[in-house]
Amino acid sequence: MTGLRVENRARVEAMARAQSNLKTRRTEVDQRYRQARQEQMTTEVIELS
């Protein structure tokens, strides 16, 4: 039974790390999107001026 507990705990910890990594990655992707969108909008404003 102890082996099963250890294995399950390892799986839960791995899933928690994966979830944390996904949150970090999502934040990075969102920041890149906002930056690219801002640059696009700035370019459009400059072109219209």
PDB file of N, CA and C in Angstrom:
ATOM      1  N   MET A   1       0.814  -1.195   0.000  1.00  0.00           N
ATOM      2  CA  MET A   1       0.000   0.000   0.000  1.00  0.00           C
ATOM      3  C   MET A   1       0.858   1.259   0.000  1.00  0.00           C
ATOM      4  N   THR A   2       1.998   1.208   0.676  1.00  0.00           N
ATOM      5  CA  THR A   2       2.867   2.378   0.741  1.00  0.00           C
ATOM      6  C   THR A   2       3.379   2.756  -0.641  1.00  0.00           C
ATOM      7  N   GLY A   3       3.704   1.754  -1.454  1.00  0.00           N
ATOM      8  CA  GLY A   3       4.183   2.025  -2.807  1.00  0.00           C
ATOM      9  C   GLY A   3       3.152   2.771  -3.630  1.00  0.00           C
ATOM     10  N   LEU A   4       1.903   2.375  -3.480  1.00  0.00           N
ATOM     11  CA  LEU A   4       0.816   3.038  -4.203  1.00  0.00           C
ATOM     12  C   LEU A   4       0.669   4.485  -3.747  1.00  0.00           C
ATOM     13  N   ARG A   5       0.785   4.714  -2.453  1.00  0.00           N
ATOM     14  CA  ARG A   5       0.695   6.084  -1.931  1.00  0.00           C
ATOM     15  C   ARG A   5       1.820   6.949  -2.476  1.00  0.00           C
ATOM     16  N   VAL A   6       3.016   6.394  -2.485  1.00  0.00           N
ATOM     17  CA  VAL A   6       4.172   7.142  -2.996  1.00  0.00           C
ATOM     18  C   VAL A   6       3.977   7.467  -4.471  1.00  0.00           C
ATOM     19  N   GLU A   7       3.507   6.476  -5.223  1.00  0.00           N
ATOM     20  CA  GLU A   7       3.284   6.687  -6.653  1.00  0.00           C
ATOM     21  C   GLU A   7       2.210   7.750  -6.889  1.00  0.00           C
ATOM     22  N   ASN A   8       1.120   7.662  -6.155  1.00  0.00           N
ATOM     23  CA  ASN A   8       0.043   8.644  -6.313  1.00  0.00           C
ATOM     24  C   ASN A   8       0.500  10.036  -5.917  1.00  0.00           C
ATOM     25  N   ARG A   9       1.263  10.120  -4.842  1.00  0.00           N
ATOM     26  CA  ARG A   9       1.773  11.431  -4.410  1.00  0.00           C
ATOM     27  C   ARG A   9       2.682  12.023  -5.486  1.00  0.00           C
ATOM     28  N   ALA A  10       3.523  11.184  -6.078  1.00  0.00           N
ATOM     29  CA  ALA A  10       4.409  11.648  -7.147  1.00  0.00           C
ATOM     30  C   ALA A  10       3.597  12.144  -8.337  1.00  0.00           C
ATOM     31  N   ARG A  11       2.524  11.451  -8.648  1.00  0.00           N
ATOM     32  CA  ARG A  11       1.665  11.877  -9.763  1.00  0.00           C
ATOM     33  C   ARG A  11       0.992  13.216  -9.463  1.00  0.00           C
ATOM     34  N   VAL A  12       0.495  13.352  -8.255  1.00  0.00           N
ATOM     35  CA  VAL A  12      -0.160  14.607  -7.865  1.00  0.00           C
ATOM     36  C   VAL A  12       0.838  15.761  -7.917  1.00  0.00           C
ATOM     37  N   GLU A  13       2.040  15.527  -7.416  1.00  0.00           N
ATOM     38  CA  GLU A  13       3.066  16.571  -7.447  1.00  0.00           C
ATOM     39  C   GLU A  13       3.446  16.923  -8.882  1.00  0.00           C
ATOM     40  N   ALA A  14       3.539  15.918  -9.743  1.00  0.00           N
ATOM     41  CA  ALA A  14       3.857  16.173 -11.151  1.00  0.00           C
ATOM     42  C   ALA A  14       2.749  16.984 -11.814  1.00  0.00           C
ATOM     43  N   MET A  15       1.503  16.649 -11.504  1.00  0.00           N
ATOM     44  CA  MET A  15       0.381  17.401 -12.073  1.00  0.00           C
ATOM     45  C   MET A  15       0.368  18.836 -11.559  1.00  0.00           C
ATOM     46  N   ALA A  16       0.706  19.024 -10.304  1.00  0.00           N
ATOM     47  CA  ALA A  16       0.755  20.377  -9.741  1.00  0.00           C
ATOM     48  C   ALA A  16       1.845  21.196 -10.421  1.00  0.00           C
ATOM     49  N   ARG A  17       3.000  20.577 -10.654  1.00  0.00           N
ATOM     50  CA  ARG A  17       4.079  21.287 -11.360  1.00  0.00           C
ATOM     51  C   ARG A  17       3.664  21.616 -12.789  1.00  0.00           C
ATOM     52  N   ALA A  18       3.007  20.674 -13.440  1.00  0.00           N
ATOM     53  CA  ALA A  18       2.547  20.910 -14.807  1.00  0.00           C
ATOM     54  C   ALA A  18       1.546  22.058 -14.846  1.00  0.00           C
ATOM     55  N   GLN A  19       0.640  22.083 -13.889  1.00  0.00           N
ATOM     56  CA  GLN A  19      -0.348  23.164 -13.837  1.00  0.00           C
ATOM     57  C   GLN A  19       0.332  24.509 -13.612  1.00  0.00           C
ATOM     58  N   SER A  20       1.304  24.533 -12.731  1.00  0.00           N
ATOM     59  CA  SER A  20       2.045  25.768 -12.472  1.00  0.00           C
ATOM     60  C   SER A  20       2.778  26.227 -13.727  1.00  0.00           C
ATOM     61  N   ASN A  21       3.400  25.277 -14.421  1.00  0.00           N
ATOM     62  CA  ASN A  21       4.104  25.612 -15.660  1.00  0.00           C
ATOM     63  C   ASN A  21       3.144  26.145 -16.716  1.00  0.00           C
ATOM     64  N   LEU A  22       1.959  25.568 -16.786  1.00  0.00           N
ATOM     65  CA  LEU A  22       0.963  26.051 -17.746  1.00  0.00           C
ATOM     66  C   LEU A  22       0.509  27.466 -17.424  1.00  0.00           C
ATOM     67  N   LYS A  23       0.323  27.753 -16.146  1.00  0.00           N
ATOM     68  CA  LYS A  23      -0.067  29.111 -15.753  1.00  0.00           C
ATOM     69  C   LYS A  23       1.018  30.113 -16.132  1.00  0.00           C
ATOM     70  N   THR A  24       2.269  29.730 -15.878  1.00  0.00           N
ATOM     71  CA  THR A  24       3.390  30.603 -16.234  1.00  0.00           C
ATOM     72  C   THR A  24       3.437  30.820 -17.738  1.00  0.00           C
ATOM     73  N   ARG A  25       3.301  29.744 -18.488  1.00  0.00           N
ATOM     74  CA  ARG A  25       3.335  29.834 -19.950  1.00  0.00           C
ATOM     75  C   ARG A  25       2.184  30.688 -20.460  1.00  0.00           C
ATOM     76  N   ARG A  26       1.001  30.521 -19.874  1.00  0.00           N
ATOM     77  CA  ARG A  26      -0.167  31.301 -20.286  1.00  0.00           C
ATOM     78  C   ARG A  26       0.083  32.787 -20.065  1.00  0.00           C
ATOM     79  N   THR A  27       0.675  33.124 -18.930  1.00  0.00           N
ATOM     80  CA  THR A  27       0.991  34.517 -18.631  1.00  0.00           C
ATOM     81  C   THR A  27       1.955  35.073 -19.669  1.00  0.00           C
ATOM     82  N   GLU A  28       2.976  34.295 -20.017  1.00  0.00           N
ATOM     83  CA  GLU A  28       3.953  34.739 -21.011  1.00  0.00           C
ATOM     84  C   GLU A  28       3.296  34.950 -22.371  1.00  0.00           C
ATOM     85  N   VAL A  29       2.448  34.019 -22.768  1.00  0.00           N
ATOM     86  CA  VAL A  29       1.769  34.125 -24.066  1.00  0.00           C
ATOM     87  C   VAL A  29       0.839  35.334 -24.077  1.00  0.00           C
ATOM     88  N   ASP A  30       0.112  35.545 -22.999  1.00  0.00           N
ATOM     89  CA  ASP A  30      -0.776  36.710 -22.910  1.00  0.00           C
ATOM     90  C   ASP A  30       0.013  38.010 -23.019  1.00  0.00           C
ATOM     91  N   GLN A  31       1.154  38.078 -22.356  1.00  0.00           N
ATOM     92  CA  GLN A  31       1.984  39.282 -22.417  1.00  0.00           C
ATOM     93  C   GLN A  31       2.493  39.520 -23.837  1.00  0.00           C
ATOM     94  N   ARG A  32       2.923  38.458 -24.494  1.00  0.00           N
ATOM     95  CA  ARG A  32       3.401  38.602 -25.880  1.00  0.00           C
ATOM     96  C   ARG A  32       2.279  39.055 -26.800  1.00  0.00           C
ATOM     97  N   TYR A  33       1.080  38.504 -26.599  1.00  0.00           N
ATOM     98  CA  TYR A  33      -0.059  38.906 -27.416  1.00  0.00           C
ATOM     99  C   TYR A  33      -0.367  40.386 -27.219  1.00  0.00           C
ATOM    100  N   ARG A  34      -0.417  40.818 -25.957  1.00  0.00           N
ATOM    101  CA  ARG A  34      -0.724  42.226 -25.692  1.00  0.00           C
ATOM    102  C   ARG A  34       0.335  43.149 -26.290  1.00  0.00           C
ATOM    103  N   GLN A  35       1.596  42.749 -26.194  1.00  0.00           N
ATOM    104  CA  GLN A  35       2.676  43.559 -26.752  1.00  0.00           C
ATOM    105  C   GLN A  35       2.548  43.647 -28.272  1.00  0.00           C
ATOM    106  N   ALA A  36       2.302  42.518 -28.920  1.00  0.00           N
ATOM    107  CA  ALA A  36       2.158  42.502 -30.378  1.00  0.00           C
ATOM    108  C   ALA A  36       0.955  43.331 -30.807  1.00  0.00           C
ATOM    109  N   ARG A  37      -0.133  43.210 -30.081  1.00  0.00           N
ATOM    110  CA  ARG A  37      -1.341  43.980 -30.407  1.00  0.00           C
ATOM    111  C   ARG A  37      -1.083  45.473 -30.245  1.00  0.00           C
ATOM    112  N   GLN A  38      -0.389  45.852 -29.187  1.00  0.00           N
ATOM    113  CA  GLN A  38      -0.073  47.261 -28.962  1.00  0.00           C
ATOM    114  C   GLN A  38       0.805  47.795 -30.089  1.00  0.00           C
ATOM    115  N   GLU A  39       1.789  47.000 -30.493  1.00  0.00           N
ATOM    116  CA  GLU A  39       2.661  47.429 -31.591  1.00  0.00           C
ATOM    117  C   GLU A  39       1.871  47.592 -32.883  1.00  0.00           C
ATOM    118  N   GLN A  40       0.940  46.672 -33.131  1.00  0.00           N
ATOM    119  CA  GLN A  40       0.108  46.762 -34.328  1.00  0.00           C
ATOM    120  C   GLN A  40      -0.750  48.022 -34.287  1.00  0.00           C
ATOM    121  N   MET A  41      -1.350  48.294 -33.163  1.00  0.00           N
ATOM    122  CA  MET A  41      -2.190  49.483 -33.034  1.00  0.00           C
ATOM    123  C   MET A  41      -1.365  50.755 -33.197  1.00  0.00           C
ATOM    124  N   THR A  42      -0.176  50.781 -32.626  1.00  0.00           N
ATOM    125  CA  THR A  42       0.701  51.945 -32.754  1.00  0.00           C
ATOM    126  C   THR A  42       1.065  52.172 -34.216  1.00  0.00           C
ATOM    127  N   THR A  43       1.395  51.096 -34.909  1.00  0.00           N
ATOM    128  CA  THR A  43       1.732  51.202 -36.330  1.00  0.00           C
ATOM    129  C   THR A  43       0.557  51.759 -37.123  1.00  0.00           C
ATOM    130  N   GLU A  44      -0.646  51.281 -36.841  1.00  0.00           N
ATOM    131  CA  GLU A  44      -1.828  51.764 -37.548  1.00  0.00           C
ATOM    132  C   GLU A  44      -2.074  53.244 -37.273  1.00  0.00           C
ATOM    133  N   VAL A  45      -1.890  53.671 -36.041  1.00  0.00           N
ATOM    134  CA  VAL A  45      -2.088  55.082 -35.698  1.00  0.00           C
ATOM    135  C   VAL A  45      -1.064  55.943 -36.426  1.00  0.00           C
ATOM    136  N   ILE A  46       0.184  55.496 -36.459  1.00  0.00           N
ATOM    137  CA  ILE A  46       1.237  56.250 -37.149  1.00  0.00           C
ATOM    138  C   ILE A  46       0.929  56.346 -38.639  1.00  0.00           C
ATOM    139  N   GLU A  47       0.464  55.243 -39.228  1.00  0.00           N
ATOM    140  CA  GLU A  47       0.140  55.248 -40.653  1.00  0.00           C
ATOM    141  C   GLU A  47      -1.023  56.187 -40.957  1.00  0.00           C
ATOM    142  N   LEU A  48      -1.956  56.313 -40.046  1.00  0.00           N
ATOM    143  CA  LEU A  48      -3.111  57.176 -40.265  1.00  0.00           C
ATOM    144  C   LEU A  48      -2.796  58.652 -40.036  1.00  0.00           C
ATOM    145  N   SER A  49      -1.693  58.915 -39.381  1.00  0.00           N
ATOM    146  CA  SER A  49      -1.335  60.307 -39.077  1.00  0.00           C
ATOM    147  C   SER A  49      -0.781  61.008 -40.290  1.00  0.00           C
TER     148      SER A  49
END
